[in-house]
Amino acid sequence: MQERETVGAVATKLLQEADGKQGVVDTEREANKEYLEQVYECVQNAVKNGWDKPFYVVVISKKERVLENVMRRYFVARKTMPMPDYDQSVFLFDPKTEQLRYFWTLPDANTCEYLLHNDVDPQETQLKAFVHAFVDDKLYDHFAGIYEIHNEWAAEAEGNATKIQQVIGAD
């Protein structure tokens, strides 16, 4: 059985061989090649596990502190809309209609700070708007209001809690 190299070993080797020609945009393009495939894989896993009501896919991006050329993305399905946070993208999936809606993306704190105080390319105006809404504490309410989000999971849990209270005689 052949032993595989660790991510750290590969990343270190690539850093040593780097010619410095790959820029931030190139790195981001490479990282995004399989992004939507991974979002849909997360959706499929949740649906396979019986999630039949609308749910969220949260993408959390983490840059490795020691290995600067390694970025990890975690794709997580959850039943409630998350609070906005740095390094996060959020989608809503409705299994009944099979519709995936994009909600927001927030970059890291340094990029947010830059976007707040600088002019940006026209293609980054939506990202800048997300950052402004986040800083003004309006991003969550904006999406909750626009899509009139009714959390069916919470309603179901509340109903179960009421049934449990009735069984144990609690008020």
N, C-alpha and C. Protein backbone atom coordinates (compact mmCIF):
# COMPACT_ATOMS: atom_id res chain seq x y z
N MET A 1 0.85 -1.18 0.00
CA MET A 1 0.00 0.00 0.00
C MET A 1 0.89 1.24 0.00
N GLN A 2 0.65 2.11 -0.97
CA GLN A 2 1.46 3.31 -1.10
C GLN A 2 0.95 4.39 -0.14
N GLU A 3 1.87 5.01 0.56
CA GLU A 3 1.52 6.04 1.53
C GLU A 3 1.29 7.37 0.80
N ARG A 4 0.16 8.04 1.12
CA ARG A 4 -0.16 9.32 0.49
C ARG A 4 0.51 10.46 1.23
N GLU A 5 0.87 11.50 0.47
CA GLU A 5 1.45 12.69 1.10
C GLU A 5 0.34 13.46 1.81
N THR A 6 0.69 14.10 2.91
CA THR A 6 -0.28 14.92 3.63
C THR A 6 -0.48 16.24 2.88
N VAL A 7 -1.58 16.92 3.20
CA VAL A 7 -1.85 18.23 2.59
C VAL A 7 -0.70 19.19 2.92
N GLY A 8 -0.22 19.12 4.15
CA GLY A 8 0.88 20.00 4.56
C GLY A 8 2.13 19.76 3.74
N ALA A 9 2.47 18.50 3.48
CA ALA A 9 3.67 18.19 2.70
C ALA A 9 3.53 18.70 1.27
N VAL A 10 2.35 18.49 0.67
CA VAL A 10 2.12 18.95 -0.70
C VAL A 10 2.16 20.48 -0.76
N ALA A 11 1.50 21.15 0.18
CA ALA A 11 1.46 22.61 0.20
C ALA A 11 2.85 23.20 0.38
N THR A 12 3.64 22.62 1.27
CA THR A 12 5.00 23.12 1.51
C THR A 12 5.85 22.96 0.25
N LYS A 13 5.71 21.81 -0.40
CA LYS A 13 6.45 21.56 -1.64
C LYS A 13 6.07 22.58 -2.71
N LEU A 14 4.79 22.84 -2.85
CA LEU A 14 4.32 23.81 -3.85
C LEU A 14 4.82 25.22 -3.53
N LEU A 15 4.84 25.58 -2.26
CA LEU A 15 5.35 26.90 -1.87
C LEU A 15 6.82 27.05 -2.23
N GLN A 16 7.60 25.99 -2.03
CA GLN A 16 9.02 26.04 -2.34
C GLN A 16 9.27 26.13 -3.83
N GLU A 17 8.38 25.51 -4.63
CA GLU A 17 8.53 25.51 -6.08
C GLU A 17 7.88 26.72 -6.74
N ALA A 18 7.11 27.48 -5.98
CA ALA A 18 6.34 28.59 -6.56
C ALA A 18 7.23 29.64 -7.19
N ASP A 19 6.75 30.13 -8.32
CA ASP A 19 7.50 31.19 -8.99
C ASP A 19 6.91 32.57 -8.72
N GLY A 20 5.86 32.61 -7.91
CA GLY A 20 5.25 33.89 -7.52
C GLY A 20 4.34 34.47 -8.57
N LYS A 21 4.05 33.75 -9.64
CA LYS A 21 3.24 34.28 -10.74
C LYS A 21 1.74 34.13 -10.51
N GLN A 22 1.34 33.20 -9.65
CA GLN A 22 -0.09 33.01 -9.41
C GLN A 22 -0.59 34.07 -8.46
N GLY A 23 -1.56 34.84 -8.92
CA GLY A 23 -2.13 35.90 -8.11
C GLY A 23 -3.35 35.44 -7.35
N VAL A 24 -3.93 36.36 -6.60
CA VAL A 24 -5.11 36.08 -5.80
C VAL A 24 -6.28 35.64 -6.68
N VAL A 25 -6.47 36.31 -7.81
CA VAL A 25 -7.58 35.98 -8.70
C VAL A 25 -7.43 34.56 -9.23
N ASP A 26 -6.21 34.18 -9.62
CA ASP A 26 -5.96 32.82 -10.11
C ASP A 26 -6.25 31.79 -9.03
N THR A 27 -5.82 32.07 -7.82
CA THR A 27 -6.05 31.16 -6.70
C THR A 27 -7.54 30.99 -6.46
N GLU A 28 -8.29 32.10 -6.48
CA GLU A 28 -9.73 32.06 -6.26
C GLU A 28 -10.44 31.28 -7.37
N ARG A 29 -10.04 31.50 -8.62
CA ARG A 29 -10.64 30.76 -9.74
C ARG A 29 -10.44 29.25 -9.58
N GLU A 30 -9.25 28.87 -9.19
CA GLU A 30 -8.94 27.46 -9.00
C GLU A 30 -9.79 26.87 -7.88
N ALA A 31 -9.94 27.62 -6.81
CA ALA A 31 -10.72 27.14 -5.66
C ALA A 31 -12.20 27.02 -5.99
N ASN A 32 -12.68 27.84 -6.94
CA ASN A 32 -14.11 27.86 -7.26
C ASN A 32 -14.53 26.84 -8.31
N LYS A 33 -13.59 26.11 -8.88
CA LYS A 33 -13.93 25.18 -9.95
C LYS A 33 -15.00 24.17 -9.56
N GLU A 34 -14.93 23.65 -8.36
CA GLU A 34 -15.88 22.62 -7.95
C GLU A 34 -16.85 23.12 -6.88
N TYR A 35 -16.92 24.41 -6.70
CA TYR A 35 -17.72 25.02 -5.63
C TYR A 35 -19.19 24.60 -5.69
N LEU A 36 -19.86 24.86 -6.81
CA LEU A 36 -21.29 24.55 -6.90
C LEU A 36 -21.54 23.05 -6.86
N GLU A 37 -20.63 22.26 -7.39
CA GLU A 37 -20.76 20.81 -7.29
C GLU A 37 -20.80 20.40 -5.81
N GLN A 38 -19.96 21.02 -5.01
CA GLN A 38 -19.90 20.68 -3.59
C GLN A 38 -21.14 21.18 -2.84
N VAL A 39 -21.69 22.33 -3.26
CA VAL A 39 -22.94 22.82 -2.67
C VAL A 39 -24.04 21.79 -2.95
N TYR A 40 -24.14 21.33 -4.21
CA TYR A 40 -25.18 20.36 -4.56
C TYR A 40 -24.94 19.00 -3.90
N GLU A 41 -23.71 18.63 -3.69
CA GLU A 41 -23.41 17.39 -2.97
C GLU A 41 -23.93 17.48 -1.53
N CYS A 42 -23.74 18.63 -0.90
CA CYS A 42 -24.26 18.85 0.45
C CYS A 42 -25.79 18.77 0.46
N VAL A 43 -26.42 19.37 -0.55
CA VAL A 43 -27.88 19.32 -0.69
C VAL A 43 -28.34 17.87 -0.83
N GLN A 44 -27.69 17.12 -1.70
CA GLN A 44 -28.09 15.73 -1.94
C GLN A 44 -27.95 14.88 -0.68
N ASN A 45 -26.89 15.11 0.08
CA ASN A 45 -26.71 14.36 1.33
C ASN A 45 -27.83 14.65 2.33
N ALA A 46 -28.21 15.92 2.43
CA ALA A 46 -29.28 16.29 3.36
C ALA A 46 -30.62 15.67 2.92
N VAL A 47 -30.90 15.72 1.62
CA VAL A 47 -32.15 15.15 1.11
C VAL A 47 -32.16 13.64 1.31
N LYS A 48 -31.02 12.98 1.08
CA LYS A 48 -30.92 11.52 1.31
C LYS A 48 -31.21 11.17 2.78
N ASN A 49 -30.86 12.10 3.68
CA ASN A 49 -31.09 11.88 5.11
C ASN A 49 -32.48 12.30 5.56
N GLY A 50 -33.38 12.54 4.60
CA GLY A 50 -34.77 12.80 4.93
C GLY A 50 -35.15 14.26 5.14
N TRP A 51 -34.27 15.17 4.80
CA TRP A 51 -34.61 16.60 4.96
C TRP A 51 -35.57 16.98 3.84
N ASP A 52 -36.85 17.08 4.17
CA ASP A 52 -37.87 17.33 3.17
C ASP A 52 -38.48 18.74 3.25
N LYS A 53 -37.96 19.56 4.14
CA LYS A 53 -38.41 20.95 4.27
C LYS A 53 -37.25 21.86 3.86
N PRO A 54 -37.54 23.13 3.53
CA PRO A 54 -36.44 24.03 3.14
C PRO A 54 -35.34 24.07 4.20
N PHE A 55 -34.09 24.07 3.72
CA PHE A 55 -32.93 24.11 4.62
C PHE A 55 -31.83 24.94 3.98
N TYR A 56 -30.83 25.24 4.77
CA TYR A 56 -29.74 26.11 4.35
C TYR A 56 -28.46 25.32 4.11
N VAL A 57 -27.68 25.78 3.17
CA VAL A 57 -26.33 25.27 2.98
C VAL A 57 -25.40 26.43 3.30
N VAL A 58 -24.55 26.22 4.27
CA VAL A 58 -23.60 27.25 4.70
C VAL A 58 -22.21 26.79 4.27
N VAL A 59 -21.52 27.68 3.57
CA VAL A 59 -20.15 27.39 3.15
C VAL A 59 -19.23 28.25 3.99
N ILE A 60 -18.38 27.58 4.75
CA ILE A 60 -17.43 28.27 5.62
C ILE A 60 -16.05 28.12 5.01
N SER A 61 -15.41 29.24 4.77
CA SER A 61 -14.06 29.23 4.17
C SER A 61 -13.03 29.51 5.24
N LYS A 62 -12.00 28.70 5.25
CA LYS A 62 -10.92 28.87 6.24
C LYS A 62 -9.57 28.79 5.53
N LYS A 63 -8.77 29.81 5.72
CA LYS A 63 -7.43 29.81 5.18
C LYS A 63 -6.50 29.26 6.25
N GLU A 64 -5.67 28.31 5.86
CA GLU A 64 -4.73 27.74 6.82
C GLU A 64 -3.74 28.80 7.26
N ARG A 65 -3.52 28.90 8.55
CA ARG A 65 -2.62 29.93 9.08
C ARG A 65 -1.16 29.68 8.73
N VAL A 66 -0.75 28.44 8.80
CA VAL A 66 0.66 28.11 8.56
C VAL A 66 0.95 27.95 7.07
N LEU A 67 0.03 27.30 6.36
CA LEU A 67 0.22 27.04 4.93
C LEU A 67 -0.62 28.04 4.15
N GLU A 68 -0.01 29.13 3.75
CA GLU A 68 -0.76 30.23 3.15
C GLU A 68 -1.41 29.89 1.82
N ASN A 69 -0.98 28.83 1.17
CA ASN A 69 -1.58 28.47 -0.12
C ASN A 69 -2.66 27.39 0.02
N VAL A 70 -3.11 27.12 1.24
CA VAL A 70 -4.16 26.12 1.46
C VAL A 70 -5.40 26.81 2.02
N MET A 71 -6.51 26.60 1.31
CA MET A 71 -7.79 27.14 1.75
C MET A 71 -8.77 25.98 1.82
N ARG A 72 -9.48 25.90 2.92
CA ARG A 72 -10.46 24.82 3.09
C ARG A 72 -11.86 25.42 3.09
N ARG A 73 -12.77 24.66 2.53
CA ARG A 73 -14.17 25.06 2.55
C ARG A 73 -14.98 23.93 3.15
N TYR A 74 -15.85 24.29 4.05
CA TYR A 74 -16.72 23.32 4.70
C TYR A 74 -18.15 23.60 4.26
N PHE A 75 -18.83 22.59 3.76
CA PHE A 75 -20.20 22.71 3.26
C PHE A 75 -21.11 22.02 4.27
N VAL A 76 -21.98 22.81 4.92
CA VAL A 76 -22.78 22.31 6.02
C VAL A 76 -24.26 22.60 5.76
N ALA A 77 -25.08 21.57 5.86
CA ALA A 77 -26.53 21.77 5.77
C ALA A 77 -27.05 22.02 7.18
N ARG A 78 -27.97 22.97 7.28
CA ARG A 78 -28.58 23.25 8.58
C ARG A 78 -30.03 23.66 8.38
N LYS A 79 -30.82 23.46 9.43
CA LYS A 79 -32.26 23.68 9.34
C LYS A 79 -32.67 25.13 9.61
N THR A 80 -31.81 25.90 10.21
CA THR A 80 -32.14 27.30 10.50
C THR A 80 -31.16 28.22 9.78
N MET A 81 -31.63 29.42 9.47
CA MET A 81 -30.77 30.39 8.81
C MET A 81 -29.69 30.84 9.79
N PRO A 82 -28.43 30.78 9.37
CA PRO A 82 -27.36 31.18 10.29
C PRO A 82 -27.28 32.69 10.44
N MET A 83 -26.69 33.12 11.52
CA MET A 83 -26.37 34.54 11.65
C MET A 83 -25.19 34.82 10.73
N PRO A 84 -25.18 35.95 10.05
CA PRO A 84 -24.06 36.26 9.16
C PRO A 84 -22.74 36.32 9.93
N ASP A 85 -21.68 35.87 9.27
CA ASP A 85 -20.36 35.86 9.87
C ASP A 85 -19.32 35.97 8.75
N TYR A 86 -18.11 36.33 9.14
CA TYR A 86 -17.03 36.41 8.16
C TYR A 86 -16.76 35.05 7.53
N ASP A 87 -16.21 35.06 6.32
CA ASP A 87 -15.83 33.82 5.61
C ASP A 87 -17.00 32.86 5.46
N GLN A 88 -18.14 33.39 5.01
CA GLN A 88 -19.35 32.57 4.96
C GLN A 88 -20.17 32.90 3.72
N SER A 89 -20.73 31.85 3.12
CA SER A 89 -21.73 32.00 2.06
C SER A 89 -22.94 31.18 2.48
N VAL A 90 -24.14 31.66 2.10
CA VAL A 90 -25.37 30.99 2.53
C VAL A 90 -26.31 30.83 1.33
N PHE A 91 -26.88 29.62 1.25
CA PHE A 91 -27.87 29.28 0.24
C PHE A 91 -29.08 28.70 0.94
N LEU A 92 -30.25 28.80 0.31
CA LEU A 92 -31.47 28.17 0.80
C LEU A 92 -31.92 27.17 -0.26
N PHE A 93 -32.19 25.94 0.16
CA PHE A 93 -32.68 24.91 -0.77
C PHE A 93 -34.06 24.45 -0.35
N ASP A 94 -34.97 24.41 -1.32
CA ASP A 94 -36.33 23.91 -1.07
C ASP A 94 -36.48 22.58 -1.79
N PRO A 95 -36.54 21.48 -1.04
CA PRO A 95 -36.65 20.16 -1.67
C PRO A 95 -37.92 19.96 -2.50
N LYS A 96 -38.99 20.65 -2.14
CA LYS A 96 -40.25 20.49 -2.88
C LYS A 96 -40.13 21.05 -4.29
N THR A 97 -39.51 22.21 -4.43
CA THR A 97 -39.38 22.85 -5.74
C THR A 97 -38.01 22.57 -6.37
N GLU A 98 -37.10 22.01 -5.57
CA GLU A 98 -35.72 21.76 -5.97
C GLU A 98 -35.01 23.05 -6.40
N GLN A 99 -35.39 24.15 -5.76
CA GLN A 99 -34.80 25.44 -6.07
C GLN A 99 -33.73 25.81 -5.04
N LEU A 100 -32.58 26.20 -5.55
CA LEU A 100 -31.49 26.67 -4.70
C LEU A 100 -31.39 28.17 -4.86
N ARG A 101 -31.51 28.89 -3.73
CA ARG A 101 -31.41 30.36 -3.74
C ARG A 101 -30.12 30.78 -3.05
N TYR A 102 -29.43 31.68 -3.70
CA TYR A 102 -28.21 32.26 -3.11
C TYR A 102 -28.64 33.41 -2.22
N PHE A 103 -28.13 33.45 -0.98
CA PHE A 103 -28.46 34.53 -0.06
C PHE A 103 -27.32 35.54 0.01
N TRP A 104 -26.18 35.14 0.57
CA TRP A 104 -25.10 36.11 0.72
C TRP A 104 -23.75 35.43 0.80
N THR A 105 -22.72 36.26 0.62
CA THR A 105 -21.33 35.88 0.86
C THR A 105 -20.69 37.01 1.64
N LEU A 106 -19.93 36.64 2.66
CA LEU A 106 -19.13 37.61 3.40
C LEU A 106 -17.68 37.12 3.39
N PRO A 107 -16.76 37.99 2.98
CA PRO A 107 -15.35 37.60 2.97
C PRO A 107 -14.74 37.71 4.38
N ASP A 108 -13.44 37.53 4.47
CA ASP A 108 -12.74 37.66 5.75
C ASP A 108 -12.81 39.09 6.26
N ALA A 109 -12.47 39.31 7.52
CA ALA A 109 -12.59 40.62 8.16
C ALA A 109 -11.75 41.69 7.46
N ASN A 110 -10.54 41.36 7.04
CA ASN A 110 -9.69 42.34 6.36
C ASN A 110 -10.28 42.79 5.04
N THR A 111 -10.82 41.84 4.29
CA THR A 111 -11.43 42.19 3.01
C THR A 111 -12.70 43.02 3.23
N CYS A 112 -13.47 42.68 4.25
CA CYS A 112 -14.65 43.48 4.59
C CYS A 112 -14.25 44.92 4.89
N GLU A 113 -13.21 45.08 5.67
CA GLU A 113 -12.73 46.42 6.02
C GLU A 113 -12.31 47.18 4.76
N TYR A 114 -11.63 46.51 3.86
CA TYR A 114 -11.21 47.14 2.60
C TYR A 114 -12.44 47.56 1.78
N LEU A 115 -13.41 46.67 1.66
CA LEU A 115 -14.60 46.96 0.86
C LEU A 115 -15.40 48.12 1.43
N LEU A 116 -15.39 48.26 2.74
CA LEU A 116 -16.14 49.36 3.37
C LEU A 116 -15.57 50.73 3.02
N HIS A 117 -14.27 50.80 2.82
CA HIS A 117 -13.61 52.10 2.70
C HIS A 117 -12.98 52.38 1.34
N ASN A 118 -13.26 51.54 0.35
CA ASN A 118 -12.65 51.74 -0.96
C ASN A 118 -13.66 51.52 -2.07
N ASP A 119 -13.36 52.13 -3.22
CA ASP A 119 -14.16 51.88 -4.41
C ASP A 119 -13.83 50.48 -4.91
N VAL A 120 -14.80 49.84 -5.53
CA VAL A 120 -14.60 48.48 -6.02
C VAL A 120 -15.02 48.37 -7.48
N ASP A 121 -14.58 47.31 -8.12
CA ASP A 121 -15.01 47.03 -9.49
C ASP A 121 -16.52 46.81 -9.50
N PRO A 122 -17.18 47.12 -10.60
CA PRO A 122 -18.63 46.93 -10.67
C PRO A 122 -19.08 45.50 -10.32
N GLN A 123 -18.25 44.51 -10.63
CA GLN A 123 -18.64 43.12 -10.34
C GLN A 123 -18.58 42.80 -8.85
N GLU A 124 -18.03 43.69 -8.04
CA GLU A 124 -17.94 43.46 -6.60
C GLU A 124 -18.92 44.32 -5.80
N THR A 125 -19.83 45.02 -6.50
CA THR A 125 -20.76 45.90 -5.78
C THR A 125 -21.74 45.12 -4.91
N GLN A 126 -22.17 43.93 -5.36
CA GLN A 126 -23.07 43.12 -4.54
C GLN A 126 -22.36 42.69 -3.26
N LEU A 127 -21.12 42.26 -3.37
CA LEU A 127 -20.35 41.86 -2.20
C LEU A 127 -20.20 43.03 -1.24
N LYS A 128 -19.92 44.21 -1.79
CA LYS A 128 -19.79 45.40 -0.94
C LYS A 128 -21.12 45.71 -0.23
N ALA A 129 -22.23 45.52 -0.93
CA ALA A 129 -23.55 45.74 -0.32
C ALA A 129 -23.80 44.75 0.82
N PHE A 130 -23.40 43.49 0.62
CA PHE A 130 -23.53 42.50 1.70
C PHE A 130 -22.73 42.94 2.92
N VAL A 131 -21.51 43.42 2.69
CA VAL A 131 -20.65 43.83 3.80
C VAL A 131 -21.26 45.01 4.54
N HIS A 132 -21.77 46.00 3.80
CA HIS A 132 -22.41 47.15 4.46
C HIS A 132 -23.62 46.71 5.30
N ALA A 133 -24.46 45.82 4.74
CA ALA A 133 -25.62 45.34 5.47
C ALA A 133 -25.19 44.56 6.72
N PHE A 134 -24.11 43.79 6.60
CA PHE A 134 -23.57 43.03 7.73
C PHE A 134 -23.10 43.96 8.84
N VAL A 135 -22.33 44.97 8.48
CA VAL A 135 -21.80 45.92 9.46
C VAL A 135 -22.93 46.71 10.12
N ASP A 136 -23.97 47.02 9.34
CA ASP A 136 -25.12 47.76 9.88
C ASP A 136 -26.11 46.84 10.60
N ASP A 137 -25.78 45.56 10.71
CA ASP A 137 -26.61 44.56 11.39
C ASP A 137 -27.98 44.42 10.73
N LYS A 138 -28.00 44.46 9.39
CA LYS A 138 -29.26 44.37 8.66
C LYS A 138 -29.32 43.20 7.69
N LEU A 139 -28.23 42.47 7.54
CA LEU A 139 -28.17 41.41 6.53
C LEU A 139 -29.15 40.27 6.83
N TYR A 140 -29.16 39.78 8.05
CA TYR A 140 -30.05 38.68 8.44
C TYR A 140 -31.51 39.08 8.22
N ASP A 141 -31.89 40.22 8.77
CA ASP A 141 -33.27 40.67 8.67
C ASP A 141 -33.70 40.91 7.23
N HIS A 142 -32.77 41.37 6.41
CA HIS A 142 -33.06 41.61 4.99
C HIS A 142 -33.52 40.31 4.32
N PHE A 143 -32.76 39.24 4.50
CA PHE A 143 -33.12 37.99 3.84
C PHE A 143 -34.31 37.32 4.51
N ALA A 144 -34.41 37.42 5.81
CA ALA A 144 -35.56 36.85 6.51
C ALA A 144 -36.83 37.55 6.04
N GLY A 145 -36.77 38.87 5.82
CA GLY A 145 -37.93 39.64 5.39
C GLY A 145 -38.29 39.44 3.93
N ILE A 146 -37.30 39.45 3.05
CA ILE A 146 -37.56 39.31 1.62
C ILE A 146 -38.20 37.98 1.30
N TYR A 147 -37.69 36.94 1.87
CA TYR A 147 -38.18 35.61 1.54
C TYR A 147 -39.25 35.12 2.52
N GLU A 148 -39.67 36.01 3.43
CA GLU A 148 -40.71 35.68 4.41
C GLU A 148 -40.47 34.26 4.94
N ILE A 149 -39.31 34.09 5.49
CA ILE A 149 -38.90 32.77 5.91
C ILE A 149 -39.75 32.28 7.07
N HIS A 150 -40.37 31.18 6.82
CA HIS A 150 -41.10 30.48 7.88
C HIS A 150 -40.34 29.19 8.11
N ASN A 151 -39.79 29.05 9.26
CA ASN A 151 -38.98 27.88 9.52
C ASN A 151 -39.87 26.71 9.92
N GLU A 152 -40.13 25.82 8.95
CA GLU A 152 -40.98 24.67 9.20
C GLU A 152 -40.37 23.73 10.23
N TRP A 153 -39.04 23.68 10.26
CA TRP A 153 -38.37 22.81 11.24
C TRP A 153 -38.65 23.30 12.66
N ALA A 154 -38.57 24.62 12.85
CA ALA A 154 -38.80 25.18 14.19
C ALA A 154 -40.24 24.96 14.61
N ALA A 155 -41.17 25.13 13.67
CA ALA A 155 -42.58 24.92 13.98
C ALA A 155 -42.81 23.47 14.40
N GLU A 156 -42.17 22.54 13.70
CA GLU A 156 -42.30 21.13 14.04
C GLU A 156 -41.73 20.85 15.43
N ALA A 157 -40.56 21.41 15.72
CA ALA A 157 -39.93 21.21 17.03
C ALA A 157 -40.79 21.82 18.13
N GLU A 158 -41.36 23.00 17.87
CA GLU A 158 -42.23 23.65 18.86
C GLU A 158 -43.46 22.79 19.13
N GLY A 159 -44.02 22.20 18.07
CA GLY A 159 -45.17 21.32 18.24
C GLY A 159 -44.82 20.10 19.07
N ASN A 160 -43.65 19.53 18.83
CA ASN A 160 -43.20 18.37 19.61
C ASN A 160 -42.97 18.75 21.06
N ALA A 161 -42.43 19.93 21.31
CA ALA A 161 -42.19 20.38 22.69
C ALA A 161 -43.52 20.54 23.42
N THR A 162 -44.52 21.06 22.72
CA THR A 162 -45.85 21.21 23.33
C THR A 162 -46.43 19.84 23.67
N LYS A 163 -46.28 18.88 22.77
CA LYS A 163 -46.78 17.52 23.02
C LYS A 163 -46.07 16.91 24.23
N ILE A 164 -44.77 17.11 24.32
CA ILE A 164 -44.00 16.58 25.44
C ILE A 164 -44.46 17.21 26.74
N GLN A 165 -44.69 18.55 26.73
CA GLN A 165 -45.16 19.24 27.93
C GLN A 165 -46.51 18.69 28.37
N GLN A 166 -47.39 18.39 27.40
CA GLN A 166 -48.71 17.85 27.73
C GLN A 166 -48.58 16.47 28.36
N VAL A 167 -47.65 15.67 27.85
CA VAL A 167 -47.46 14.31 28.37
C VAL A 167 -46.91 14.34 29.80
N ILE A 168 -45.94 15.24 30.08
CA ILE A 168 -45.34 15.27 31.41
C ILE A 168 -46.09 16.20 32.38
N GLY A 169 -47.13 16.87 31.87
CA GLY A 169 -47.94 17.71 32.74
C GLY A 169 -47.33 19.05 33.07
N ALA A 170 -46.38 19.52 32.27
CA ALA A 170 -45.77 20.84 32.50
C ALA A 170 -46.61 21.91 31.82
N ASP A 171 -46.50 23.12 32.33
CA ASP A 171 -47.24 24.24 31.72
C ASP A 171 -46.40 24.94 30.72
